[in-house]
């Protein structure tokens, strides 16, 4: 009888152990992540005059934002918050940021370099990108479905969202689900709680 008891207890422990490992792994991966579309191919020029493409970010978890250097409203807040995220992952070669200007006529590599320096952008994989105007707007509005447009009545002459896109190591847009089970898709680059949430999710994807 004792042998049967030991076998029964061992079986229970084994089952519990398997469940515990599975549960721990799930928690380690964090909230169930939504997997969106892969990022379309792109090729732009960074603040150092170097060509940057999807392959530059291959094997990295990275963020994408659309901004412009003369933006008088939300861009300064977005990039102050992006700097906080940079600092949290500074030195990690598997993390990166793509800050893409929607005003390529003004935002040359030289302008972007000075802008990057002013914001303390020191991570080697934080690229401030400029390039063909049509390609940028196509990537923003069609590729990411993040609205960007020239608009004379808007502050600075352009309209765009204050959202950050999170990309995994395989080049897919990722996000967590909200309390109603709907994918967030993007993270609000203007809200402190969203920035903390984003840091957590970057860690899990890394």
Protein backbone atom coordinates (compact mmCIF):
# COMPACT_ATOMS: atom_id res chain seq x y z
CA UNK A 1 0.00 0.00 0.00
CA UNK A 2 2.83 2.36 0.84
CA UNK A 3 4.36 1.85 -2.60
CA UNK A 4 1.04 2.80 -4.21
CA UNK A 5 0.86 5.89 -1.98
CA UNK A 6 4.34 6.95 -2.96
CA UNK A 7 3.52 6.41 -6.62
CA UNK A 8 0.35 8.47 -6.25
CA UNK A 9 2.14 11.28 -4.46
CA UNK A 10 4.96 11.23 -7.02
CA UNK A 11 2.41 11.42 -9.84
CA UNK A 12 0.70 14.42 -8.25
CA UNK A 13 4.04 16.16 -7.74
CA UNK A 14 5.00 15.44 -11.35
CA UNK A 15 1.73 16.84 -12.71
CA UNK A 16 2.00 19.89 -10.48
CA UNK A 17 5.60 20.40 -11.55
CA UNK A 18 4.67 20.30 -15.23
CA UNK A 19 1.83 22.78 -14.63
CA UNK A 20 4.10 25.07 -12.58
CA UNK A 21 6.80 25.14 -15.26
CA UNK A 22 4.20 25.82 -17.94
CA UNK A 23 2.61 28.58 -15.86
CA UNK A 24 5.99 30.14 -15.08
CA UNK A 25 6.96 30.09 -18.75
CA UNK A 26 3.70 31.77 -19.69
CA UNK A 27 4.19 34.44 -17.04
CA UNK A 28 7.76 34.94 -18.15
CA UNK A 29 6.52 35.65 -21.65
CA UNK A 30 4.17 38.19 -20.11
CA UNK A 31 0.71 39.00 -21.35
CA UNK A 32 -0.45 37.12 -24.40
CA UNK A 33 1.01 39.19 -27.20
CA UNK A 34 -0.93 40.18 -30.26
CA UNK A 35 1.01 39.55 -33.46
CA UNK A 36 0.24 41.98 -36.24
CA UNK A 37 1.52 42.36 -39.77
CA UNK A 38 5.21 42.23 -40.62
CA UNK A 39 6.85 45.60 -41.20
CA UNK A 40 7.05 46.32 -44.96
CA UNK A 41 10.49 46.62 -46.50
CA UNK A 42 12.01 50.08 -46.21
CA UNK A 43 15.29 51.80 -46.99
CA UNK A 44 16.15 55.23 -45.57
CA UNK A 45 19.19 57.29 -44.59
CA UNK A 46 20.13 57.89 -40.95
CA UNK A 47 21.69 60.85 -39.18
CA UNK A 48 25.17 59.61 -40.10
CA UNK A 49 24.41 59.35 -43.82
CA UNK A 50 24.20 55.54 -43.64
CA UNK A 51 21.55 53.42 -45.35
CA UNK A 52 19.22 51.71 -42.87
CA UNK A 53 16.79 48.94 -43.89
CA UNK A 54 14.75 46.18 -42.28
CA UNK A 55 17.90 44.08 -42.27
CA UNK A 56 19.57 46.62 -39.99
CA UNK A 57 17.05 45.65 -37.29
CA UNK A 58 17.10 41.92 -38.02
CA UNK A 59 17.18 39.94 -34.78
CA UNK A 60 16.36 43.03 -32.72
CA UNK A 61 13.35 44.21 -30.76
CA UNK A 62 12.76 47.80 -31.84
CA UNK A 63 10.40 50.75 -31.75
CA UNK A 64 9.14 52.85 -34.63
CA UNK A 65 7.83 56.42 -34.42
CA UNK A 66 6.99 59.09 -36.98
CA UNK A 67 7.92 62.66 -36.06
CA UNK A 68 9.56 65.84 -37.41
CA UNK A 69 12.28 67.97 -35.88
CA UNK A 70 10.41 71.30 -35.95
CA UNK A 71 7.31 69.85 -34.30
CA UNK A 72 6.18 72.32 -31.61
CA UNK A 73 3.68 70.05 -29.88
CA UNK A 74 3.91 66.29 -29.22
CA UNK A 75 7.29 65.31 -30.71
CA UNK A 76 9.39 66.73 -27.84
CA UNK A 77 7.37 64.67 -25.36
CA UNK A 78 7.59 61.58 -27.54
CA UNK A 79 11.35 61.78 -27.83
CA UNK A 80 11.89 62.59 -24.16
CA UNK A 81 10.01 59.38 -23.45
CA UNK A 82 11.92 57.54 -26.15
CA UNK A 83 15.12 58.68 -24.42
CA UNK A 84 13.85 57.06 -21.18
CA UNK A 85 13.32 53.81 -23.05
CA UNK A 86 16.76 54.09 -24.64
CA UNK A 87 18.33 54.51 -21.21
CA UNK A 88 16.50 51.44 -19.89
CA UNK A 89 18.05 49.29 -22.62
CA UNK A 90 21.27 51.15 -23.22
CA UNK A 91 24.08 48.79 -24.17
CA UNK A 92 21.73 46.02 -25.27
CA UNK A 93 22.70 45.14 -28.86
CA UNK A 94 19.35 43.43 -29.45
CA UNK A 95 17.34 46.63 -28.98
CA UNK A 96 16.85 49.50 -31.41
CA UNK A 97 14.73 52.53 -32.35
CA UNK A 98 13.68 53.92 -35.72
CA UNK A 99 12.60 57.57 -35.60
CA UNK A 100 11.32 58.44 -39.07
CA UNK A 101 10.78 62.06 -40.09
CA UNK A 102 7.65 63.04 -42.00
CA UNK A 103 9.37 66.25 -43.14
CA UNK A 104 12.26 64.91 -45.22
CA UNK A 105 12.66 68.18 -47.14
CA UNK A 106 13.80 69.97 -43.98
CA UNK A 107 15.08 67.02 -41.95
CA UNK A 108 18.33 66.19 -43.70
CA UNK A 109 20.87 63.82 -42.09
CA UNK A 110 22.71 66.86 -40.76
CA UNK A 111 19.56 68.26 -39.13
CA UNK A 112 18.68 64.85 -37.72
CA UNK A 113 22.17 64.40 -36.27
CA UNK A 114 21.95 67.67 -34.36
CA UNK A 115 18.43 66.80 -33.20
CA UNK A 116 19.59 63.37 -32.00
CA UNK A 117 22.46 64.94 -30.06
CA UNK A 118 20.09 67.41 -28.41
CA UNK A 119 17.95 64.53 -27.15
CA UNK A 120 20.88 62.47 -25.94
CA UNK A 121 20.32 59.69 -28.46
CA UNK A 122 23.45 57.60 -27.92
CA UNK A 123 22.30 54.04 -28.46
CA UNK A 124 24.08 52.78 -31.61
CA UNK A 125 20.82 51.33 -32.90
CA UNK A 126 18.72 54.48 -32.48
CA UNK A 127 18.50 55.72 -36.06
CA UNK A 128 16.85 59.00 -37.07
CA UNK A 129 15.73 58.37 -40.62
CA UNK A 130 14.94 60.47 -43.67
CA UNK A 131 14.40 59.62 -47.31
CA UNK A 132 11.91 59.66 -50.14
CA UNK A 133 8.76 61.49 -49.07
CA UNK A 134 6.33 59.16 -50.82
CA UNK A 135 8.04 56.09 -49.35
CA UNK A 136 7.85 57.55 -45.85
CA UNK A 137 4.16 58.40 -46.08
CA UNK A 138 3.36 55.03 -47.62
CA UNK A 139 5.16 53.27 -44.77
CA UNK A 140 3.38 55.39 -42.18
CA UNK A 141 -0.17 55.38 -43.58
CA UNK A 142 -0.29 52.00 -45.32
CA UNK A 143 2.45 49.92 -43.71
CA UNK A 144 1.80 50.88 -40.09
CA UNK A 145 -1.58 52.57 -40.55
CA UNK A 146 -0.27 55.42 -38.40
CA UNK A 147 -1.70 58.62 -39.85
CA UNK A 148 0.77 61.21 -41.13
CA UNK A 149 0.03 64.14 -43.42
CA UNK A 150 1.02 67.65 -44.39
CA UNK A 151 -1.54 70.06 -42.99
CA UNK A 152 -1.01 73.81 -43.05
CA UNK A 153 -3.41 74.43 -40.18
CA UNK A 154 -1.68 71.92 -37.88
CA UNK A 155 1.09 72.98 -35.47
CA UNK A 156 4.30 72.95 -37.48
CA UNK A 157 2.46 72.17 -40.71
CA UNK A 158 2.12 68.41 -40.21
CA UNK A 159 -0.28 66.00 -38.53
CA UNK A 160 0.76 62.65 -37.05
CA UNK A 161 0.01 60.36 -34.15
CA UNK A 162 1.94 60.18 -30.89
CA UNK A 163 2.04 56.39 -31.02
CA UNK A 164 4.97 53.99 -30.86
CA UNK A 165 5.01 50.66 -32.71
CA UNK A 166 6.75 47.70 -31.09
CA UNK A 167 8.47 45.26 -33.46
CA UNK A 168 9.74 41.80 -32.49
CA UNK A 169 12.94 40.05 -33.58
CA UNK A 170 11.13 38.51 -36.56
CA UNK A 171 9.96 41.89 -37.88
CA UNK A 172 6.33 41.62 -36.75
CA UNK A 173 4.30 44.38 -35.08
CA UNK A 174 3.47 43.26 -31.53
CA UNK A 175 1.32 44.52 -28.67
CA UNK A 176 -0.58 43.30 -25.65
CA UNK A 177 -4.36 43.03 -25.38
CA UNK A 178 -6.50 45.50 -23.46
CA UNK A 179 -8.92 44.61 -20.66
CA UNK A 180 -11.61 43.78 -23.22
CA UNK A 181 -9.40 41.35 -25.11
CA UNK A 182 -8.76 43.70 -28.03
CA UNK A 183 -5.20 44.24 -29.28
CA UNK A 184 -3.77 47.63 -28.37
CA UNK A 185 -1.69 47.56 -31.59
CA UNK A 186 0.31 50.65 -30.59
CA UNK A 187 1.55 52.34 -27.42
CA UNK A 188 0.87 55.96 -26.54
CA UNK A 189 4.23 57.72 -26.56
CA UNK A 190 2.84 60.61 -24.50
CA UNK A 191 1.66 58.70 -21.42
CA UNK A 192 3.97 57.63 -18.58
CA UNK A 193 2.01 54.48 -17.78
CA UNK A 194 2.17 53.39 -21.43
CA UNK A 195 5.94 53.96 -21.44
CA UNK A 196 6.33 51.72 -18.38
CA UNK A 197 4.10 49.12 -20.04
CA UNK A 198 6.25 49.32 -23.15
CA UNK A 199 9.44 48.76 -21.15
CA UNK A 200 7.92 45.61 -19.64
CA UNK A 201 6.90 44.28 -23.03
CA UNK A 202 10.28 45.02 -24.60
CA UNK A 203 11.97 43.03 -21.84
CA UNK A 204 9.70 40.06 -22.50
CA UNK A 205 10.25 40.13 -26.24
CA UNK A 206 14.01 40.40 -25.75
